[in-house]
């Protein structure tokens, strides 16, 4: 019996791995089926947002600023980004597409970034 103990343990481990793989595969197939059948249309809800007073200096003109008064009466996106942020790089293309479709105004706020780096990033990748 002691001769077969390593083989029994190996067989038990292989059976456990096989069973786990089978269960995970079935779970993924079920998730895929439910994702295929669901409707991914996104609706927007009209909500009134009260913003606090704020003021950010313009990157290119120190005499101008961006404040709450720039957002009154229109739909806008305020995008906080940084030249070093990898997630910001990923969403940049989407913001450029939104800007080209002229659906709404997009305002960018460079967050914890150096002005020179921000300008270089926007010149290289486009400024939505």
C-alpha atoms as a PDB file:
ATOM      1  CA  UNK A   1       0.000   0.000   0.000  1.00  0.00           C
ATOM      2  CA  UNK A   2       2.875   2.394   0.754  1.00  0.00           C
ATOM      3  CA  UNK A   3       4.136   1.941  -2.804  1.00  0.00           C
ATOM      4  CA  UNK A   4       0.884   3.242  -4.218  1.00  0.00           C
ATOM      5  CA  UNK A   5       0.421   6.168  -1.811  1.00  0.00           C
ATOM      6  CA  UNK A   6       2.290   8.719  -4.035  1.00  0.00           C
ATOM      7  CA  UNK A   7       0.242   7.597  -7.049  1.00  0.00           C
ATOM      8  CA  UNK A   8      -3.002   7.875  -5.095  1.00  0.00           C
ATOM      9  CA  UNK A   9      -2.086  11.392  -3.974  1.00  0.00           C
ATOM     10  CA  UNK A  10      -1.103  12.353  -7.529  1.00  0.00           C
ATOM     11  CA  UNK A  11      -4.348  10.901  -8.889  1.00  0.00           C
ATOM     12  CA  UNK A  12      -6.378  12.780  -6.242  1.00  0.00           C
ATOM     13  CA  UNK A  13      -4.630  16.072  -7.089  1.00  0.00           C
ATOM     14  CA  UNK A  14      -5.172  15.564 -10.819  1.00  0.00           C
ATOM     15  CA  UNK A  15      -8.842  14.772 -10.206  1.00  0.00           C
ATOM     16  CA  UNK A  16      -9.186  17.921  -8.087  1.00  0.00           C
ATOM     17  CA  UNK A  17      -7.535  20.094 -10.755  1.00  0.00           C
ATOM     18  CA  UNK A  18      -9.683  18.526 -13.484  1.00  0.00           C
ATOM     19  CA  UNK A  19     -12.882  19.021 -11.506  1.00  0.00           C
ATOM     20  CA  UNK A  20     -11.982  22.653 -10.697  1.00  0.00           C
ATOM     21  CA  UNK A  21     -11.168  23.377 -14.337  1.00  0.00           C
ATOM     22  CA  UNK A  22     -14.472  21.842 -15.419  1.00  0.00           C
ATOM     23  CA  UNK A  23     -16.456  23.942 -12.913  1.00  0.00           C
ATOM     24  CA  UNK A  24     -14.657  27.173 -13.870  1.00  0.00           C
ATOM     25  CA  UNK A  25     -15.229  26.502 -17.556  1.00  0.00           C
ATOM     26  CA  UNK A  26     -18.969  25.969 -16.985  1.00  0.00           C
ATOM     27  CA  UNK A  27     -19.167  29.142 -14.914  1.00  0.00           C
ATOM     28  CA  UNK A  28     -17.429  31.165 -17.650  1.00  0.00           C
ATOM     29  CA  UNK A  29     -19.785  29.761 -20.304  1.00  0.00           C
ATOM     30  CA  UNK A  30     -22.818  30.738 -18.224  1.00  0.00           C
ATOM     31  CA  UNK A  31     -21.424  34.252 -17.683  1.00  0.00           C
ATOM     32  CA  UNK A  32     -20.759  34.597 -21.408  1.00  0.00           C
ATOM     33  CA  UNK A  33     -24.298  33.493 -22.262  1.00  0.00           C
ATOM     34  CA  UNK A  34     -25.820  36.009 -19.850  1.00  0.00           C
ATOM     35  CA  UNK A  35     -23.529  38.782 -21.167  1.00  0.00           C
ATOM     36  CA  UNK A  36     -24.512  37.997 -24.768  1.00  0.00           C
ATOM     37  CA  UNK A  37     -28.211  38.073 -24.006  1.00  0.00           C
ATOM     38  CA  UNK A  38     -28.278  41.254 -21.925  1.00  0.00           C
ATOM     39  CA  UNK A  39     -28.840  44.709 -23.338  1.00  0.00           C
ATOM     40  CA  UNK A  40     -25.860  47.024 -22.943  1.00  0.00           C
ATOM     41  CA  UNK A  41     -27.663  50.210 -23.941  1.00  0.00           C
ATOM     42  CA  UNK A  42     -26.853  52.883 -21.423  1.00  0.00           C
ATOM     43  CA  UNK A  43     -29.386  55.529 -20.559  1.00  0.00           C
ATOM     44  CA  UNK A  44     -28.571  58.867 -19.023  1.00  0.00           C
ATOM     45  CA  UNK A  45     -30.527  60.298 -16.180  1.00  0.00           C
ATOM     46  CA  UNK A  46     -31.085  64.001 -15.878  1.00  0.00           C
ATOM     47  CA  UNK A  47     -29.840  64.979 -12.441  1.00  0.00           C
ATOM     48  CA  UNK A  48     -29.244  68.468 -11.167  1.00  0.00           C
ATOM     49  CA  UNK A  49     -25.796  68.710  -9.603  1.00  0.00           C
ATOM     50  CA  UNK A  50     -24.906  71.584  -7.333  1.00  0.00           C
ATOM     51  CA  UNK A  51     -21.235  72.402  -7.657  1.00  0.00           C
ATOM     52  CA  UNK A  52     -19.213  74.283  -5.099  1.00  0.00           C
ATOM     53  CA  UNK A  53     -17.479  77.470  -6.141  1.00  0.00           C
ATOM     54  CA  UNK A  54     -14.094  76.760  -7.760  1.00  0.00           C
ATOM     55  CA  UNK A  55     -11.546  78.380 -10.006  1.00  0.00           C
ATOM     56  CA  UNK A  56      -8.654  76.820 -11.940  1.00  0.00           C
ATOM     57  CA  UNK A  57      -6.107  78.834 -13.935  1.00  0.00           C
ATOM     58  CA  UNK A  58      -5.980  78.314 -17.691  1.00  0.00           C
ATOM     59  CA  UNK A  59      -2.957  76.298 -18.838  1.00  0.00           C
ATOM     60  CA  UNK A  60      -2.206  78.565 -21.780  1.00  0.00           C
ATOM     61  CA  UNK A  61      -3.414  81.962 -20.515  1.00  0.00           C
ATOM     62  CA  UNK A  62      -2.811  82.921 -16.886  1.00  0.00           C
ATOM     63  CA  UNK A  63      -5.304  85.800 -17.158  1.00  0.00           C
ATOM     64  CA  UNK A  64      -8.204  83.406 -17.787  1.00  0.00           C
ATOM     65  CA  UNK A  65      -9.619  80.778 -15.474  1.00  0.00           C
ATOM     66  CA  UNK A  66     -12.094  77.907 -15.499  1.00  0.00           C
ATOM     67  CA  UNK A  67     -14.851  78.198 -12.910  1.00  0.00           C
ATOM     68  CA  UNK A  68     -18.415  77.223 -12.120  1.00  0.00           C
ATOM     69  CA  UNK A  69     -19.792  79.970 -14.383  1.00  0.00           C
ATOM     70  CA  UNK A  70     -18.357  78.158 -17.456  1.00  0.00           C
ATOM     71  CA  UNK A  71     -20.650  75.179 -16.828  1.00  0.00           C
ATOM     72  CA  UNK A  72     -24.017  76.866 -16.362  1.00  0.00           C
ATOM     73  CA  UNK A  73     -26.802  75.770 -18.711  1.00  0.00           C
ATOM     74  CA  UNK A  74     -25.016  73.100 -20.736  1.00  0.00           C
ATOM     75  CA  UNK A  75     -23.847  69.507 -20.624  1.00  0.00           C
ATOM     76  CA  UNK A  76     -20.136  69.197 -19.931  1.00  0.00           C
ATOM     77  CA  UNK A  77     -17.449  66.729 -18.958  1.00  0.00           C
ATOM     78  CA  UNK A  78     -14.785  67.742 -16.484  1.00  0.00           C
ATOM     79  CA  UNK A  79     -11.889  65.346 -16.963  1.00  0.00           C
ATOM     80  CA  UNK A  80      -9.196  65.237 -14.292  1.00  0.00           C
ATOM     81  CA  UNK A  81      -6.034  63.885 -15.886  1.00  0.00           C
ATOM     82  CA  UNK A  82      -2.233  63.887 -15.724  1.00  0.00           C
ATOM     83  CA  UNK A  83       0.508  63.284 -18.268  1.00  0.00           C
ATOM     84  CA  UNK A  84       1.904  60.448 -16.128  1.00  0.00           C
ATOM     85  CA  UNK A  85      -1.453  58.654 -15.648  1.00  0.00           C
ATOM     86  CA  UNK A  86      -1.804  55.417 -17.657  1.00  0.00           C
ATOM     87  CA  UNK A  87      -5.588  55.307 -17.245  1.00  0.00           C
ATOM     88  CA  UNK A  88      -5.765  58.859 -18.597  1.00  0.00           C
ATOM     89  CA  UNK A  89      -3.797  57.737 -21.674  1.00  0.00           C
ATOM     90  CA  UNK A  90      -6.338  54.953 -22.238  1.00  0.00           C
ATOM     91  CA  UNK A  91      -9.363  57.264 -22.087  1.00  0.00           C
ATOM     92  CA  UNK A  92      -7.767  60.065 -24.125  1.00  0.00           C
ATOM     93  CA  UNK A  93      -8.823  58.590 -27.481  1.00  0.00           C
ATOM     94  CA  UNK A  94     -12.448  58.410 -26.327  1.00  0.00           C
ATOM     95  CA  UNK A  95     -12.364  62.048 -25.252  1.00  0.00           C
ATOM     96  CA  UNK A  96     -10.943  63.055 -28.638  1.00  0.00           C
ATOM     97  CA  UNK A  97     -13.782  61.171 -30.356  1.00  0.00           C
ATOM     98  CA  UNK A  98     -16.381  62.892 -28.170  1.00  0.00           C
ATOM     99  CA  UNK A  99     -14.803  66.250 -28.972  1.00  0.00           C
ATOM    100  CA  UNK A 100     -14.863  65.556 -32.715  1.00  0.00           C
ATOM    101  CA  UNK A 101     -18.586  64.694 -32.516  1.00  0.00           C
ATOM    102  CA  UNK A 102     -19.242  68.031 -30.760  1.00  0.00           C
ATOM    103  CA  UNK A 103     -21.807  66.492 -28.396  1.00  0.00           C
ATOM    104  CA  UNK A 104     -20.778  68.417 -25.305  1.00  0.00           C
ATOM    105  CA  UNK A 105     -18.055  70.610 -23.898  1.00  0.00           C
ATOM    106  CA  UNK A 106     -15.005  68.909 -22.415  1.00  0.00           C
ATOM    107  CA  UNK A 107     -12.861  70.623 -19.817  1.00  0.00           C
ATOM    108  CA  UNK A 108      -9.589  69.121 -18.663  1.00  0.00           C
ATOM    109  CA  UNK A 109      -8.046  69.721 -15.265  1.00  0.00           C
ATOM    110  CA  UNK A 110      -4.382  68.694 -15.028  1.00  0.00           C
ATOM    111  CA  UNK A 111      -4.184  67.082 -11.624  1.00  0.00           C
ATOM    112  CA  UNK A 112      -0.858  66.975  -9.776  1.00  0.00           C
ATOM    113  CA  UNK A 113       1.079  67.553 -12.958  1.00  0.00           C
ATOM    114  CA  UNK A 114       3.755  69.953 -14.132  1.00  0.00           C
ATOM    115  CA  UNK A 115       2.517  72.553 -16.658  1.00  0.00           C
ATOM    116  CA  UNK A 116       5.346  71.853 -19.120  1.00  0.00           C
ATOM    117  CA  UNK A 117       4.640  68.100 -19.068  1.00  0.00           C
ATOM    118  CA  UNK A 118       0.917  68.711 -19.502  1.00  0.00           C
ATOM    119  CA  UNK A 119       1.494  70.948 -22.522  1.00  0.00           C
ATOM    120  CA  UNK A 120       3.872  68.402 -24.090  1.00  0.00           C
ATOM    121  CA  UNK A 121       1.312  65.619 -23.562  1.00  0.00           C
ATOM    122  CA  UNK A 122      -1.527  67.626 -25.131  1.00  0.00           C
ATOM    123  CA  UNK A 123       0.608  68.730 -28.086  1.00  0.00           C
ATOM    124  CA  UNK A 124       1.690  65.150 -28.756  1.00  0.00           C
ATOM    125  CA  UNK A 125      -1.698  63.437 -28.285  1.00  0.00           C
ATOM    126  CA  UNK A 126      -4.225  66.154 -29.082  1.00  0.00           C
ATOM    127  CA  UNK A 127      -6.250  68.417 -26.835  1.00  0.00           C
ATOM    128  CA  UNK A 128      -9.895  67.401 -26.471  1.00  0.00           C
END
